[in-house]
Amino acid sequence: MSFRLSQRDKDIIGFINQFRAVDRDSLVELFFKQLKSPINACNSVMVRLYRLGLIERTQQYSPTVYLPVDAKIKKNSQKILHFLSILDIYKQMCTYSAPKQVIVEDKPTGRKGGIEPDFFCIFKGSPFWIEIQRNQYSEQKMQAKINLYEEFFFSDEWKALHWQPEDRVAVFPTVILITSVRYAAKSDHIRIIQAGSIHELMEKYKRSTKQQREEKPITQSSSGGIRITLT
């Protein structure tokens, strides 16, 4: 069968391959919202791509969730909810600024037992590793997770990661914990931020920046050489 894919078709397929599980409403929001009938347009495109064998889908969820054709997760797997959580955080970021260099389920150490953030991105000019905690951890388990980040920090391997700027000093990403529970986990070497959502995080920094402007001129914010610019 001969068929021609539009650039939007290719972008949608690439996006599904990148995020592993994407619900219909997210596709509407990201690719079709400018159209007169965005839901109908999305449904039409997704049915066509599915019938062409270019994407998979599961109707275990409502609305339908779309998967890559080579997805190794079962169509009723709880892992789908994990990927949808990642997608939700990505969409929250997009309301402020589109994240760049996005890597879903990043494995920067390249070996088993190393850090495995849910995703990496460069957001508003700064690099972040984001951990989404859908389940509550013990304090010991969370601190152990932070300790792995410290181990990677001291390895200096992160300085050679492909997204590091060639014309500036390498930067170790800030670690964002998206969690409804506040943990006592801490580090003297890497920056850790805990928030219930990206919206909460941005509101927090908006208030902080406003307060700083009212009190004194703002100086460059840094922590152990780590830069964070959210406003």
C-alpha atoms as a PDB file:
ATOM      1  CA  MET A   1       0.000   0.000   0.000  1.00  0.00           C
ATOM      2  CA  SER A   2       1.262   3.448  -0.945  1.00  0.00           C
ATOM      3  CA  PHE A   3       0.606   6.319   1.467  1.00  0.00           C
ATOM      4  CA  ARG A   4       2.039   9.728   2.251  1.00  0.00           C
ATOM      5  CA  LEU A   5       2.557  10.979   5.787  1.00  0.00           C
ATOM      6  CA  SER A   6       2.215  14.651   6.617  1.00  0.00           C
ATOM      7  CA  GLN A   7       4.753  16.347   8.849  1.00  0.00           C
ATOM      8  CA  ARG A   8       2.150  16.333  11.622  1.00  0.00           C
ATOM      9  CA  ASP A   9       1.724  12.561  11.193  1.00  0.00           C
ATOM     10  CA  LYS A  10       5.476  12.103  11.568  1.00  0.00           C
ATOM     11  CA  ASP A  11       5.591  14.437  14.588  1.00  0.00           C
ATOM     12  CA  ILE A  12       2.771  12.499  16.300  1.00  0.00           C
ATOM     13  CA  ILE A  13       4.419   9.126  15.677  1.00  0.00           C
ATOM     14  CA  GLY A  14       7.751  10.473  16.946  1.00  0.00           C
ATOM     15  CA  PHE A  15       6.086  11.929  20.036  1.00  0.00           C
ATOM     16  CA  ILE A  16       4.380   8.613  20.868  1.00  0.00           C
ATOM     17  CA  ASN A  17       7.672   6.769  20.387  1.00  0.00           C
ATOM     18  CA  GLN A  18       9.366   9.258  22.710  1.00  0.00           C
ATOM     19  CA  PHE A  19       6.808   9.259  25.547  1.00  0.00           C
ATOM     20  CA  ARG A  20       5.756   5.563  25.172  1.00  0.00           C
ATOM     21  CA  ALA A  21       2.094   6.178  26.103  1.00  0.00           C
ATOM     22  CA  VAL A  22       0.057   9.192  25.016  1.00  0.00           C
ATOM     23  CA  ASP A  23      -3.658   9.713  25.622  1.00  0.00           C
ATOM     24  CA  ARG A  24      -6.001  11.141  22.995  1.00  0.00           C
ATOM     25  CA  ASP A  25      -6.707  14.351  24.908  1.00  0.00           C
ATOM     26  CA  SER A  26      -2.992  15.141  25.168  1.00  0.00           C
ATOM     27  CA  LEU A  27      -2.635  14.708  21.404  1.00  0.00           C
ATOM     28  CA  VAL A  28      -5.569  17.077  20.909  1.00  0.00           C
ATOM     29  CA  GLU A  29      -3.923  19.641  23.186  1.00  0.00           C
ATOM     30  CA  LEU A  30      -0.473  19.377  21.621  1.00  0.00           C
ATOM     31  CA  PHE A  31      -1.244  18.878  17.922  1.00  0.00           C
ATOM     32  CA  PHE A  32      -4.855  19.806  17.109  1.00  0.00           C
ATOM     33  CA  LYS A  33      -6.089  22.567  19.433  1.00  0.00           C
ATOM     34  CA  GLN A  34      -5.852  25.247  16.718  1.00  0.00           C
ATOM     35  CA  LEU A  35      -8.404  23.419  14.507  1.00  0.00           C
ATOM     36  CA  LYS A  36     -12.138  24.051  14.413  1.00  0.00           C
ATOM     37  CA  SER A  37     -13.035  20.504  15.550  1.00  0.00           C
ATOM     38  CA  PRO A  38      -9.835  19.321  17.301  1.00  0.00           C
ATOM     39  CA  ILE A  39     -11.216  16.098  18.822  1.00  0.00           C
ATOM     40  CA  ASN A  40     -12.771  14.903  15.559  1.00  0.00           C
ATOM     41  CA  ALA A  41      -9.611  15.781  13.644  1.00  0.00           C
ATOM     42  CA  CYS A  42      -7.449  13.915  16.161  1.00  0.00           C
ATOM     43  CA  ASN A  43      -9.686  10.850  16.126  1.00  0.00           C
ATOM     44  CA  SER A  44      -9.582  10.738  12.331  1.00  0.00           C
ATOM     45  CA  VAL A  45      -5.793  10.988  12.171  1.00  0.00           C
ATOM     46  CA  MET A  46      -5.193   8.431  14.923  1.00  0.00           C
ATOM     47  CA  VAL A  47      -7.566   5.862  13.381  1.00  0.00           C
ATOM     48  CA  ARG A  48      -5.725   6.264  10.068  1.00  0.00           C
ATOM     49  CA  LEU A  49      -2.268   5.862  11.658  1.00  0.00           C
ATOM     50  CA  TYR A  50      -3.488   2.838  13.620  1.00  0.00           C
ATOM     51  CA  ARG A  51      -4.925   1.149  10.527  1.00  0.00           C
ATOM     52  CA  LEU A  52      -1.665   1.799   8.701  1.00  0.00           C
ATOM     53  CA  GLY A  53       0.133  -0.113  11.481  1.00  0.00           C
ATOM     54  CA  LEU A  54       2.241   2.896  12.479  1.00  0.00           C
ATOM     55  CA  ILE A  55       1.025   3.073  16.084  1.00  0.00           C
ATOM     56  CA  GLU A  56      -0.634   0.769  18.614  1.00  0.00           C
ATOM     57  CA  ARG A  57      -3.466   1.622  20.953  1.00  0.00           C
ATOM     58  CA  THR A  58      -5.173   0.407  24.095  1.00  0.00           C
ATOM     59  CA  GLN A  59      -8.798   1.052  24.915  1.00  0.00           C
ATOM     60  CA  GLN A  60      -8.336  -0.076  28.517  1.00  0.00           C
ATOM     61  CA  TYR A  61      -8.341   3.647  29.286  1.00  0.00           C
ATOM     62  CA  SER A  62     -10.754   6.405  28.344  1.00  0.00           C
ATOM     63  CA  PRO A  63      -9.928   8.301  26.253  1.00  0.00           C
ATOM     64  CA  THR A  64      -7.822   5.907  24.167  1.00  0.00           C
ATOM     65  CA  VAL A  65      -4.096   5.684  24.890  1.00  0.00           C
ATOM     66  CA  TYR A  66      -1.685   5.268  21.974  1.00  0.00           C
ATOM     67  CA  LEU A  67       1.568   3.295  22.115  1.00  0.00           C
ATOM     68  CA  PRO A  68       4.555   2.681  19.822  1.00  0.00           C
ATOM     69  CA  VAL A  69       4.195  -0.301  17.487  1.00  0.00           C
ATOM     70  CA  ASP A  70       7.127  -2.007  19.228  1.00  0.00           C
ATOM     71  CA  ALA A  71       5.907  -1.219  22.747  1.00  0.00           C
ATOM     72  CA  LYS A  72       7.101  -3.850  25.210  1.00  0.00           C
ATOM     73  CA  ILE A  73       4.439  -3.032  27.791  1.00  0.00           C
ATOM     74  CA  LYS A  74       1.129  -4.840  28.017  1.00  0.00           C
ATOM     75  CA  LYS A  75      -1.952  -2.862  27.059  1.00  0.00           C
ATOM     76  CA  ASN A  76      -3.312  -3.130  30.606  1.00  0.00           C
ATOM     77  CA  SER A  77       0.015  -2.523  32.339  1.00  0.00           C
ATOM     78  CA  GLN A  78       0.310  -0.103  35.265  1.00  0.00           C
ATOM     79  CA  LYS A  79       3.437   1.121  33.478  1.00  0.00           C
ATOM     80  CA  ILE A  80       1.120   3.063  31.166  1.00  0.00           C
ATOM     81  CA  LEU A  81       0.048   5.236  34.114  1.00  0.00           C
ATOM     82  CA  HIS A  82       3.722   5.877  34.818  1.00  0.00           C
ATOM     83  CA  PHE A  83       4.302   7.166  31.290  1.00  0.00           C
ATOM     84  CA  LEU A  84       1.124   9.253  31.416  1.00  0.00           C
ATOM     85  CA  SER A  85       2.439  10.867  34.621  1.00  0.00           C
ATOM     86  CA  ILE A  86       5.635  11.812  32.786  1.00  0.00           C
ATOM     87  CA  LEU A  87       3.575  13.225  29.933  1.00  0.00           C
ATOM     88  CA  ASP A  88       1.506  15.290  32.369  1.00  0.00           C
ATOM     89  CA  ILE A  89       4.628  16.903  33.844  1.00  0.00           C
ATOM     90  CA  TYR A  90       5.918  17.619  30.339  1.00  0.00           C
ATOM     91  CA  LYS A  91       2.614  19.325  29.435  1.00  0.00           C
ATOM     92  CA  GLN A  92       2.750  21.415  32.604  1.00  0.00           C
ATOM     93  CA  MET A  93       6.215  22.598  31.583  1.00  0.00           C
ATOM     94  CA  CYS A  94       4.961  23.465  28.102  1.00  0.00           C
ATOM     95  CA  THR A  95       2.549  26.004  29.587  1.00  0.00           C
ATOM     96  CA  TYR A  96       5.622  28.033  30.634  1.00  0.00           C
ATOM     97  CA  SER A  97       8.250  27.108  28.053  1.00  0.00           C
ATOM     98  CA  ALA A  98       8.742  24.061  25.812  1.00  0.00           C
ATOM     99  CA  PRO A  99      11.383  21.769  27.371  1.00  0.00           C
ATOM    100  CA  LYS A 100      14.315  20.879  25.137  1.00  0.00           C
ATOM    101  CA  GLN A 101      16.519  17.778  24.874  1.00  0.00           C
ATOM    102  CA  VAL A 102      13.785  15.642  26.485  1.00  0.00           C
ATOM    103  CA  ILE A 103      14.853  12.085  27.374  1.00  0.00           C
ATOM    104  CA  VAL A 104      12.139   9.839  28.841  1.00  0.00           C
ATOM    105  CA  GLU A 105      13.476   7.308  31.382  1.00  0.00           C
ATOM    106  CA  ASP A 106      16.974   8.703  31.117  1.00  0.00           C
ATOM    107  CA  LYS A 107      19.833   6.351  32.033  1.00  0.00           C
ATOM    108  CA  PRO A 108      22.827   8.693  32.071  1.00  0.00           C
ATOM    109  CA  THR A 109      25.218   6.251  33.748  1.00  0.00           C
ATOM    110  CA  GLY A 110      24.617   3.641  31.054  1.00  0.00           C
ATOM    111  CA  ARG A 111      24.774   0.845  33.592  1.00  0.00           C
ATOM    112  CA  LYS A 112      22.400  -1.038  35.844  1.00  0.00           C
ATOM    113  CA  GLY A 113      22.134   0.268  39.378  1.00  0.00           C
ATOM    114  CA  GLY A 114      22.832   3.870  38.477  1.00  0.00           C
ATOM    115  CA  ILE A 115      20.438   6.791  38.571  1.00  0.00           C
ATOM    116  CA  GLU A 116      17.344   6.404  36.381  1.00  0.00           C
ATOM    117  CA  PRO A 117      15.357   9.654  36.444  1.00  0.00           C
ATOM    118  CA  ASP A 118      11.905   9.563  34.870  1.00  0.00           C
ATOM    119  CA  PHE A 119      13.067  12.143  32.419  1.00  0.00           C
ATOM    120  CA  PHE A 120      15.698  14.728  31.636  1.00  0.00           C
ATOM    121  CA  CYS A 121      15.141  18.070  29.993  1.00  0.00           C
ATOM    122  CA  ILE A 122      16.535  21.546  29.612  1.00  0.00           C
ATOM    123  CA  PHE A 123      13.841  23.893  30.867  1.00  0.00           C
ATOM    124  CA  LYS A 124      14.139  27.678  30.740  1.00  0.00           C
ATOM    125  CA  GLY A 125      17.863  27.385  30.104  1.00  0.00           C
ATOM    126  CA  SER A 126      18.740  24.965  32.927  1.00  0.00           C
ATOM    127  CA  PRO A 127      19.112  21.155  32.960  1.00  0.00           C
ATOM    128  CA  PHE A 128      16.868  19.048  35.189  1.00  0.00           C
ATOM    129  CA  TRP A 129      16.444  15.413  36.126  1.00  0.00           C
ATOM    130  CA  ILE A 130      12.871  14.786  37.210  1.00  0.00           C
ATOM    131  CA  GLU A 131      11.677  12.011  39.500  1.00  0.00           C
ATOM    132  CA  ILE A 132       7.917  11.490  39.717  1.00  0.00           C
ATOM    133  CA  GLN A 133       6.944   9.749  42.949  1.00  0.00           C
ATOM    134  CA  ARG A 134       3.514   8.208  42.477  1.00  0.00           C
ATOM    135  CA  ASN A 135       4.083   5.932  45.491  1.00  0.00           C
ATOM    136  CA  GLN A 136       5.330   6.932  48.919  1.00  0.00           C
ATOM    137  CA  TYR A 137       8.904   5.920  49.730  1.00  0.00           C
ATOM    138  CA  SER A 138      10.497   5.474  53.118  1.00  0.00           C
ATOM    139  CA  GLU A 139      12.933   8.226  54.130  1.00  0.00           C
ATOM    140  CA  GLN A 140      15.784   5.715  53.882  1.00  0.00           C
ATOM    141  CA  LYS A 141      14.853   4.679  50.340  1.00  0.00           C
ATOM    142  CA  MET A 142      14.551   8.266  49.196  1.00  0.00           C
ATOM    143  CA  GLN A 143      17.906   9.194  50.711  1.00  0.00           C
ATOM    144  CA  ALA A 144      19.437   6.164  48.985  1.00  0.00           C
ATOM    145  CA  LYS A 145      18.094   7.498  45.688  1.00  0.00           C
ATOM    146  CA  ILE A 146      19.688  10.895  46.378  1.00  0.00           C
ATOM    147  CA  ASN A 147      22.940   9.187  47.319  1.00  0.00           C
ATOM    148  CA  LEU A 148      23.051   7.624  43.835  1.00  0.00           C
ATOM    149  CA  TYR A 149      22.857  11.105  42.336  1.00  0.00           C
ATOM    150  CA  GLU A 150      25.740  12.182  44.568  1.00  0.00           C
ATOM    151  CA  GLU A 151      27.801   9.193  43.446  1.00  0.00           C
ATOM    152  CA  PHE A 152      27.239  10.213  39.843  1.00  0.00           C
ATOM    153  CA  PHE A 153      28.136  13.807  40.681  1.00  0.00           C
ATOM    154  CA  PHE A 154      31.506  12.738  42.101  1.00  0.00           C
ATOM    155  CA  SER A 155      32.204  10.465  39.125  1.00  0.00           C
ATOM    156  CA  ASP A 156      32.488  13.488  36.808  1.00  0.00           C
ATOM    157  CA  GLU A 157      31.006  11.304  34.032  1.00  0.00           C
ATOM    158  CA  TRP A 158      28.115  13.752  33.719  1.00  0.00           C
ATOM    159  CA  LYS A 159      30.457  16.378  32.321  1.00  0.00           C
ATOM    160  CA  ALA A 160      30.650  14.407  29.055  1.00  0.00           C
ATOM    161  CA  LEU A 161      26.887  13.947  28.512  1.00  0.00           C
ATOM    162  CA  HIS A 162      25.875  14.943  24.995  1.00  0.00           C
ATOM    163  CA  TRP A 163      23.641  17.856  26.023  1.00  0.00           C
ATOM    164  CA  GLN A 164      26.352  19.672  27.978  1.00  0.00           C
ATOM    165  CA  PRO A 165      27.203  23.075  26.439  1.00  0.00           C
ATOM    166  CA  GLU A 166      30.429  23.083  24.466  1.00  0.00           C
ATOM    167  CA  ASP A 167      31.196  26.727  25.149  1.00  0.00           C
ATOM    168  CA  ARG A 168      30.557  26.791  28.910  1.00  0.00           C
ATOM    169  CA  VAL A 169      31.464  24.940  32.081  1.00  0.00           C
ATOM    170  CA  ALA A 170      29.513  21.661  32.479  1.00  0.00           C
ATOM    171  CA  VAL A 171      26.455  21.869  34.738  1.00  0.00           C
ATOM    172  CA  PHE A 172      25.060  19.097  36.937  1.00  0.00           C
ATOM    173  CA  PRO A 173      21.261  19.069  36.615  1.00  0.00           C
ATOM    174  CA  THR A 174      19.004  20.102  39.452  1.00  0.00           C
ATOM    175  CA  VAL A 175      16.950  17.123  40.677  1.00  0.00           C
ATOM    176  CA  ILE A 176      13.213  17.809  40.890  1.00  0.00           C
ATOM    177  CA  LEU A 177      11.135  15.445  43.001  1.00  0.00           C
ATOM    178  CA  ILE A 178       7.470  15.634  42.003  1.00  0.00           C
ATOM    179  CA  THR A 179       5.822  14.338  45.154  1.00  0.00           C
ATOM    180  CA  SER A 180       2.854  14.990  47.398  1.00  0.00           C
ATOM    181  CA  VAL A 181       5.010  13.918  50.357  1.00  0.00           C
ATOM    182  CA  ARG A 182       7.881  16.055  51.655  1.00  0.00           C
ATOM    183  CA  TYR A 183      11.008  14.016  52.358  1.00  0.00           C
ATOM    184  CA  ALA A 184      13.915  14.880  54.622  1.00  0.00           C
ATOM    185  CA  ALA A 185      16.361  13.678  51.951  1.00  0.00           C
ATOM    186  CA  LYS A 186      19.191  16.160  51.455  1.00  0.00           C
ATOM    187  CA  SER A 187      22.518  16.689  49.769  1.00  0.00           C
ATOM    188  CA  ASP A 188      25.411  19.061  50.329  1.00  0.00           C
ATOM    189  CA  HIS A 189      26.554  18.648  46.727  1.00  0.00           C
ATOM    190  CA  ILE A 190      23.564  18.652  44.380  1.00  0.00           C
ATOM    191  CA  ARG A 191      20.465  20.792  44.261  1.00  0.00           C
ATOM    192  CA  ILE A 192      17.166  19.073  45.091  1.00  0.00           C
ATOM    193  CA  ILE A 193      13.729  20.639  44.740  1.00  0.00           C
ATOM    194  CA  GLN A 194      10.525  19.031  46.010  1.00  0.00           C
ATOM    195  CA  ALA A 195       7.135  20.090  44.669  1.00  0.00           C
ATOM    196  CA  GLY A 196       3.711  18.601  44.102  1.00  0.00           C
ATOM    197  CA  SER A 197       3.664  19.760  40.480  1.00  0.00           C
ATOM    198  CA  ILE A 198       5.451  22.005  38.012  1.00  0.00           C
ATOM    199  CA  HIS A 199       2.722  24.595  38.549  1.00  0.00           C
ATOM    200  CA  GLU A 200       3.486  24.597  42.287  1.00  0.00           C
ATOM    201  CA  LEU A 201       7.206  24.859  41.568  1.00  0.00           C
ATOM    202  CA  MET A 202       6.761  27.830  39.223  1.00  0.00           C
ATOM    203  CA  GLU A 203       4.485  29.610  41.668  1.00  0.00           C
ATOM    204  CA  LYS A 204       7.051  29.070  44.411  1.00  0.00           C
ATOM    205  CA  TYR A 205       9.819  30.649  42.336  1.00  0.00           C
ATOM    206  CA  LYS A 206       7.559  33.487  41.230  1.00  0.00           C
ATOM    207  CA  ARG A 207       6.914  34.370  44.873  1.00  0.00           C
ATOM    208  CA  SER A 208      10.579  33.961  45.762  1.00  0.00           C
ATOM    209  CA  THR A 209      11.727  36.193  42.910  1.00  0.00           C
ATOM    210  CA  LYS A 210       9.159  38.859  43.764  1.00  0.00           C
ATOM    211  CA  GLN A 211      10.284  38.844  47.403  1.00  0.00           C
ATOM    212  CA  GLN A 212      13.949  39.124  46.407  1.00  0.00           C
ATOM    213  CA  ARG A 213      13.199  42.063  44.122  1.00  0.00           C
ATOM    214  CA  GLU A 214      11.401  43.839  46.906  1.00  0.00           C
ATOM    215  CA  GLU A 215      14.197  43.231  49.422  1.00  0.00           C
ATOM    216  CA  LYS A 216      17.377  43.691  47.345  1.00  0.00           C
ATOM    217  CA  PRO A 217      18.828  43.411  43.842  1.00  0.00           C
ATOM    218  CA  ILE A 218      18.904  39.817  42.564  1.00  0.00           C
ATOM    219  CA  THR A 219      22.293  38.170  42.181  1.00  0.00           C
ATOM    220  CA  GLN A 220      23.059  35.043  40.189  1.00  0.00           C
ATOM    221  CA  SER A 221      21.493  32.044  41.922  1.00  0.00           C
ATOM    222  CA  SER A 222      23.782  29.079  42.305  1.00  0.00           C
ATOM    223  CA  SER A 223      24.458  26.119  44.533  1.00  0.00           C
ATOM    224  CA  GLY A 224      27.685  24.201  44.268  1.00  0.00           C
ATOM    225  CA  GLY A 225      28.086  25.482  40.722  1.00  0.00           C
ATOM    226  CA  ILE A 226      24.528  24.515  39.795  1.00  0.00           C
ATOM    227  CA  ARG A 227      22.462  27.181  38.019  1.00  0.00           C
ATOM    228  CA  ILE A 228      18.713  27.310  38.022  1.00  0.00           C
ATOM    229  CA  THR A 229      16.680  29.857  36.080  1.00  0.00           C
ATOM    230  CA  LEU A 230      12.935  29.382  36.190  1.00  0.00           C
ATOM    231  CA  THR A 231      11.572  32.899  35.794  1.00  0.00           C
END
